[in-house]
């Protein structure tokens, strides 16, 4: 059998002792059990000297998470020069430094943020930002979707080790390239955005895969990254579909085994394989409650 991890530039490391702890308990019969539990820890993000937000995260790629968050929230522009990203593990603090003060910092001087809106940007701001995005054309073959689902589901991950986690994968054709996990799906997305920005990876010809719901927020983040195709094991929200159609994003959900449903951007899909030739998923790879993730 081919190694499902062969194509990755970066993927989860479920053996990392920082990411899980062993916890004793009992099962449904009252028998003692010891199980792996995912760890989450606070990470406070600063843009230069300005505190932006504190996030709960597994803490495996704080630099990518910080940069991706700032980009996907339209706090930074892709053209803004980054002079440094500094992380202090003991303090749980990451600082993104730019060569000059940003317009967002000036806005913050005039506005007091509550903890509930500590992201520092509004839905309207993000909508205005994606209105300027022109997604690339291109196509997605159904054979790629089936191959990606097969490889991703068999990649060693924290989900298979401990559960209680979301995963996102940047893909090219039938190759998964960057696989990130976190307790929040948006953290996983932002880590990939940060990796792409730091390593100069173009969104052209890419596909974004997530284990979570296809919501308006997921659509916005994918469009912000310039990726033309968003696919998921899970289902859709009406606002996610409406927004995807508005911006021309190909939106594919309920992607399991032989089946998927596309509700936007169907013109990019090339049907190049008979679904009957595709093997159904083994039950071990079925995410519990995927429709509600």
Protein backbone atom coordinates (compact mmCIF):
# COMPACT_ATOMS: atom_id res chain seq x y z
CA UNK A 1 0.00 0.00 0.00
CA UNK A 2 1.28 3.48 -0.85
CA UNK A 3 2.44 5.67 2.05
CA UNK A 4 -0.35 8.26 2.63
CA UNK A 5 2.18 10.68 4.13
CA UNK A 6 4.59 10.77 1.18
CA UNK A 7 3.36 14.02 -0.41
CA UNK A 8 3.22 16.25 2.67
CA UNK A 9 5.40 19.29 3.23
CA UNK A 10 4.04 19.48 6.78
CA UNK A 11 1.63 17.24 8.65
CA UNK A 12 0.46 16.48 12.21
CA UNK A 13 2.79 14.79 14.67
CA UNK A 14 0.50 12.83 17.01
CA UNK A 15 3.57 11.55 18.90
CA UNK A 16 4.45 15.08 20.08
CA UNK A 17 4.16 14.82 23.90
CA UNK A 18 3.11 18.50 24.19
CA UNK A 19 -0.14 17.93 22.30
CA UNK A 20 -1.85 15.21 24.36
CA UNK A 21 -1.97 13.94 27.94
CA UNK A 22 -2.99 10.53 29.25
CA UNK A 23 -6.01 10.64 31.55
CA UNK A 24 -7.48 7.84 33.67
CA UNK A 25 -11.20 7.18 33.86
CA UNK A 26 -13.81 4.48 33.41
CA UNK A 27 -15.75 3.27 30.38
CA UNK A 28 -19.46 2.48 29.91
CA UNK A 29 -19.03 -0.84 31.78
CA UNK A 30 -17.26 0.74 34.73
CA UNK A 31 -13.91 -0.74 33.71
CA UNK A 32 -10.82 1.46 34.20
CA UNK A 33 -9.42 3.11 31.04
CA UNK A 34 -6.54 5.39 30.19
CA UNK A 35 -7.09 7.58 27.15
CA UNK A 36 -5.29 10.32 25.22
CA UNK A 37 -6.81 13.80 25.61
CA UNK A 38 -5.94 16.79 23.44
CA UNK A 39 -4.22 19.69 25.23
CA UNK A 40 -5.27 23.30 24.66
CA UNK A 41 -3.39 26.35 25.92
CA UNK A 42 -3.80 30.13 25.61
CA UNK A 43 -1.76 32.06 23.05
CA UNK A 44 -1.77 35.87 23.20
CA UNK A 45 -1.09 37.61 19.90
CA UNK A 46 0.51 41.03 19.61
CA UNK A 47 0.89 43.10 16.47
CA UNK A 48 3.97 45.19 17.25
CA UNK A 49 3.16 46.66 20.70
CA UNK A 50 -0.60 46.22 20.40
CA UNK A 51 -2.35 43.22 21.98
CA UNK A 52 -4.84 41.78 19.48
CA UNK A 53 -6.40 38.61 20.87
CA UNK A 54 -5.88 35.56 23.09
CA UNK A 55 -6.67 32.26 21.38
CA UNK A 56 -7.00 28.72 22.71
CA UNK A 57 -4.80 26.44 20.63
CA UNK A 58 -2.83 23.21 20.79
CA UNK A 59 0.29 25.35 20.38
CA UNK A 60 2.19 23.44 17.71
CA UNK A 61 2.77 26.24 15.14
CA UNK A 62 2.22 29.59 16.92
CA UNK A 63 4.13 31.67 14.35
CA UNK A 64 2.03 30.40 11.43
CA UNK A 65 -1.18 30.76 13.45
CA UNK A 66 -0.39 34.36 14.38
CA UNK A 67 0.46 35.50 10.86
CA UNK A 68 -2.44 33.62 9.28
CA UNK A 69 -4.88 35.08 11.79
CA UNK A 70 -3.78 38.63 11.01
CA UNK A 71 -4.02 38.02 7.26
CA UNK A 72 -7.38 36.24 7.32
CA UNK A 73 -8.91 38.89 9.60
CA UNK A 74 -7.74 41.60 7.16
CA UNK A 75 -5.65 43.16 9.93
CA UNK A 76 -2.57 42.76 7.75
CA UNK A 77 -2.36 42.84 3.97
CA UNK A 78 -0.23 40.29 2.08
CA UNK A 79 1.95 43.20 0.95
CA UNK A 80 2.72 44.37 4.51
CA UNK A 81 6.42 43.65 5.19
CA UNK A 82 6.98 41.40 8.22
CA UNK A 83 10.25 42.15 10.01
CA UNK A 84 10.02 39.35 12.62
CA UNK A 85 7.74 36.89 14.40
CA UNK A 86 8.83 36.23 17.99
CA UNK A 87 7.36 33.50 20.19
CA UNK A 88 7.86 33.02 23.93
CA UNK A 89 6.72 29.56 25.01
CA UNK A 90 6.92 30.32 28.75
CA UNK A 91 4.67 33.38 28.45
CA UNK A 92 2.42 31.97 25.72
CA UNK A 93 2.92 35.12 23.66
CA UNK A 94 3.63 35.61 19.96
CA UNK A 95 4.53 39.02 18.51
CA UNK A 96 4.28 39.80 14.80
CA UNK A 97 6.45 42.81 13.95
CA UNK A 98 6.10 44.98 10.86
CA UNK A 99 8.52 47.51 9.44
CA UNK A 100 6.04 50.33 10.05
CA UNK A 101 2.82 50.87 12.06
CA UNK A 102 -0.25 49.43 10.34
CA UNK A 103 -3.60 51.17 9.67
CA UNK A 104 -5.24 48.67 12.02
CA UNK A 105 -3.20 49.94 14.95
CA UNK A 106 -4.36 53.45 14.20
CA UNK A 107 -7.97 52.26 14.17
CA UNK A 108 -7.48 50.62 17.55
CA UNK A 109 -6.33 53.88 19.07
CA UNK A 110 -9.78 55.27 18.33
CA UNK A 111 -11.80 52.26 19.42
CA UNK A 112 -12.18 50.26 22.63
CA UNK A 113 -12.56 46.52 22.04
CA UNK A 114 -14.56 44.24 24.31
CA UNK A 115 -13.41 40.67 24.80
CA UNK A 116 -16.29 39.52 22.59
CA UNK A 117 -15.00 41.42 19.58
CA UNK A 118 -11.29 41.16 20.29
CA UNK A 119 -10.66 40.03 16.75
CA UNK A 120 -10.67 43.73 15.96
CA UNK A 121 -12.48 43.51 12.68
CA UNK A 122 -16.10 43.21 11.64
CA UNK A 123 -17.95 40.95 9.24
CA UNK A 124 -18.47 44.02 7.04
CA UNK A 125 -14.73 44.67 6.93
CA UNK A 126 -14.09 41.09 5.80
CA UNK A 127 -16.84 41.23 3.18
CA UNK A 128 -15.33 44.40 1.73
CA UNK A 129 -11.93 42.69 1.64
CA UNK A 130 -13.13 39.63 -0.27
CA UNK A 131 -15.05 41.76 -2.78
CA UNK A 132 -11.64 42.72 -4.14
CA UNK A 133 -10.50 39.10 -4.61
CA UNK A 134 -10.53 37.48 -8.05
CA UNK A 135 -10.36 33.71 -7.66
CA UNK A 136 -8.36 31.84 -10.31
CA UNK A 137 -10.11 29.60 -12.82
CA UNK A 138 -8.93 26.01 -13.14
CA UNK A 139 -10.60 22.69 -12.51
CA UNK A 140 -10.92 19.95 -9.92
CA UNK A 141 -11.12 16.30 -11.02
CA UNK A 142 -13.34 13.92 -9.12
CA UNK A 143 -10.47 11.42 -9.12
CA UNK A 144 -8.45 13.99 -7.14
CA UNK A 145 -11.22 14.32 -4.56
CA UNK A 146 -11.40 10.56 -4.03
CA UNK A 147 -7.60 10.24 -3.81
CA UNK A 148 -7.32 13.13 -1.35
CA UNK A 149 -10.04 11.75 0.88
CA UNK A 150 -8.30 8.37 0.94
CA UNK A 151 -4.86 9.82 1.77
CA UNK A 152 -6.01 12.37 4.35
CA UNK A 153 -8.17 9.90 6.25
CA UNK A 154 -5.20 7.53 6.58
CA UNK A 155 -2.65 10.12 7.64
CA UNK A 156 -1.58 9.76 11.29
CA UNK A 157 -3.23 12.63 13.16
CA UNK A 158 -4.27 13.92 16.55
CA UNK A 159 -7.84 13.15 15.57
CA UNK A 160 -7.06 9.45 15.27
CA UNK A 161 -4.96 9.60 18.45
CA UNK A 162 -7.23 11.59 20.75
CA UNK A 163 -10.17 13.18 18.87
CA UNK A 164 -11.70 16.55 19.88
CA UNK A 165 -9.90 18.35 17.08
CA UNK A 166 -10.41 19.84 13.63
CA UNK A 167 -8.22 19.39 10.59
CA UNK A 168 -7.52 21.43 7.44
CA UNK A 169 -5.37 20.47 4.47
CA UNK A 170 -3.93 22.50 1.59
CA UNK A 171 -3.90 20.31 -1.51
CA UNK A 172 -2.67 20.44 -5.10
CA UNK A 173 -4.40 18.14 -7.57
CA UNK A 174 -4.43 14.75 -5.78
CA UNK A 175 -1.59 15.64 -3.38
CA UNK A 176 -2.14 16.79 0.23
CA UNK A 177 0.62 19.32 0.99
CA UNK A 178 0.05 20.95 4.39
CA UNK A 179 -2.11 19.35 7.10
CA UNK A 180 -2.85 21.37 10.24
CA UNK A 181 -5.02 20.49 13.23
CA UNK A 182 -6.32 22.51 16.17
CA UNK A 183 -9.14 22.62 18.71
CA UNK A 184 -10.81 25.30 16.58
CA UNK A 185 -11.20 24.88 12.81
CA UNK A 186 -10.35 28.55 12.27
CA UNK A 187 -7.00 28.09 13.98
CA UNK A 188 -6.19 25.24 11.60
CA UNK A 189 -7.11 27.42 8.60
CA UNK A 190 -5.02 30.32 9.88
CA UNK A 191 -1.97 28.11 10.39
CA UNK A 192 -2.10 27.13 6.73
CA UNK A 193 -2.55 30.76 5.66
CA UNK A 194 0.49 31.69 7.74
CA UNK A 195 2.56 28.86 6.27
CA UNK A 196 1.63 29.90 2.74
CA UNK A 197 2.58 33.51 3.44
CA UNK A 198 5.91 32.68 5.07
CA UNK A 199 6.95 30.24 2.35
CA UNK A 200 5.56 32.08 -0.67
CA UNK A 201 3.14 29.32 -1.71
CA UNK A 202 0.75 30.42 -4.46
CA UNK A 203 -2.97 29.63 -4.08
CA UNK A 204 -3.28 28.97 -7.81
CA UNK A 205 -4.19 25.38 -8.60
CA UNK A 206 -4.85 24.60 -4.92
CA UNK A 207 -7.79 23.02 -3.13
CA UNK A 208 -8.64 23.55 0.54
CA UNK A 209 -10.00 20.62 2.55
CA UNK A 210 -11.57 20.89 6.00
CA UNK A 211 -13.25 18.48 8.39
CA UNK A 212 -15.63 21.19 9.61
CA UNK A 213 -18.85 22.76 8.40
CA UNK A 214 -18.87 24.91 5.27
CA UNK A 215 -19.92 28.17 6.93
CA UNK A 216 -19.68 31.76 5.70
CA UNK A 217 -16.56 32.23 7.85
CA UNK A 218 -14.85 29.24 6.23
CA UNK A 219 -15.75 30.59 2.80
CA UNK A 220 -14.37 34.04 3.68
CA UNK A 221 -11.07 32.63 4.93
CA UNK A 222 -10.65 30.43 1.85
CA UNK A 223 -11.37 33.35 -0.47
CA UNK A 224 -9.01 35.58 1.53
CA UNK A 225 -6.27 33.03 0.78
CA UNK A 226 -7.19 33.11 -2.93
CA UNK A 227 -7.98 29.39 -3.11
CA UNK A 228 -10.75 28.56 -5.64
CA UNK A 229 -12.02 25.24 -4.21
CA UNK A 230 -13.23 24.42 -0.67
CA UNK A 231 -14.17 20.84 0.20
CA UNK A 232 -15.33 19.16 3.39
CA UNK A 233 -16.52 15.90 4.91
CA UNK A 234 -19.19 17.92 6.66
CA UNK A 235 -22.27 19.84 5.54
CA UNK A 236 -23.20 23.36 4.48
CA UNK A 237 -24.82 26.42 5.94
CA UNK A 238 -27.11 28.53 3.75
CA UNK A 239 -25.00 31.64 4.25
CA UNK A 240 -21.87 29.71 3.28
CA UNK A 241 -23.46 28.56 0.04
CA UNK A 242 -24.84 32.02 -0.76
CA UNK A 243 -21.47 33.67 -0.24
CA UNK A 244 -19.60 30.99 -2.22
CA UNK A 245 -21.90 31.55 -5.17
CA UNK A 246 -21.43 35.30 -4.94
CA UNK A 247 -17.63 35.09 -5.14
CA UNK A 248 -17.39 32.10 -7.52
CA UNK A 249 -15.91 29.60 -5.04
CA UNK A 250 -16.36 25.90 -5.77
CA UNK A 251 -17.99 24.46 -2.63
CA UNK A 252 -18.02 20.67 -2.14
CA UNK A 253 -19.45 19.03 0.98
CA UNK A 254 -20.49 15.68 2.45
CA UNK A 255 -17.37 14.20 0.84
CA UNK A 256 -17.14 10.60 2.01
CA UNK A 257 -16.26 7.44 0.16
CA UNK A 258 -18.01 7.46 -3.23
CA UNK A 259 -20.19 10.50 -2.52
CA UNK A 260 -20.04 14.28 -2.42
CA UNK A 261 -22.37 17.23 -3.07
CA UNK A 262 -21.35 20.46 -4.83
CA UNK A 263 -23.54 23.55 -4.31
CA UNK A 264 -21.39 26.26 -5.90
CA UNK A 265 -18.83 26.54 -8.67
CA UNK A 266 -19.80 23.25 -10.30
CA UNK A 267 -18.27 24.39 -13.60
CA UNK A 268 -14.78 23.65 -12.24
CA UNK A 269 -15.59 19.97 -11.60
CA UNK A 270 -14.37 17.38 -14.12
CA UNK A 271 -16.00 13.96 -13.74
CA UNK A 272 -13.15 11.67 -14.77
CA UNK A 273 -13.84 8.50 -12.75
CA UNK A 274 -16.85 6.26 -12.12
CA UNK A 275 -17.80 6.52 -8.42
CA UNK A 276 -18.56 2.79 -8.43
CA UNK A 277 -14.84 2.17 -8.86
CA UNK A 278 -14.09 4.02 -5.60
CA UNK A 279 -13.87 2.01 -2.39
CA UNK A 280 -16.11 3.00 0.51
CA UNK A 281 -14.42 4.33 3.65
CA UNK A 282 -13.55 2.00 6.49
CA UNK A 283 -15.59 2.81 9.61
CA UNK A 284 -12.39 3.68 11.51
CA UNK A 285 -12.00 6.78 9.34
CA UNK A 286 -15.56 8.04 9.78
CA UNK A 287 -15.41 11.17 11.93
CA UNK A 288 -17.98 10.97 14.67
CA UNK A 289 -20.70 13.58 14.22
CA UNK A 290 -19.02 15.02 11.13
CA UNK A 291 -22.20 16.76 10.07
CA UNK A 292 -22.10 18.80 13.26
CA UNK A 293 -18.38 19.55 13.43
